[in-house]
Amino acid sequence: MRLFAKLGIIVFSTLLLTACFGEDYDFTPPDVTLMNHTEYPDTEELTAVNIEWDSDKLYTKKTDDILSVARDQKTLVYHKGQEVRIVFVTQDFAIRKLSAYVMKDGIKTEIEVDGEVFNMPNEKGEYIIVLHLLADSGTVEYVGNVLIE
């Protein structure tokens, strides 16, 4: 009987201890950066403006004027036609679709996204870039202020 009691205490203590070593996961909507493919790789973060994300809890954010939010961001400088990779800081979700467009002088131009890579516009100027993520956990829309040289 004592053997069973000791064995029970050991098993209980072991289970209690292993529960304390659990990992802390971040299920918030992912931050996204744009990474250029030059000899000096650099990354720039976009700002999340519209969020509907359901993972450990529901995250929502609605921004009515995404263009003014984008204009207030740090200007990201790229070259004409430069290839850029979309990098998610955390990726504990499945991407269903990534789409992007740029706005210049009120004109919206769709950008073809191949996997997680796209090319900046071929025309110089100041643009607002909008990236839309559709994932199994929800949707997030990101914006940035871009200068094409």
Foldseek 3Di string as FASTA:
>chain_A
DVVVVVVVVVVVVVVVVVVVPDDDDDQPDWWKWKWFPDPDIDIDTWAWAADFFQDVHTDGHHDDCVPVVQVPADEAEDEAFTKIFMDTPDDPWAWPDKWKWKDDPNDIDTWDQDPRMTTDHRDFDKIKMWMWTQTPGGIIITIHIYGYD
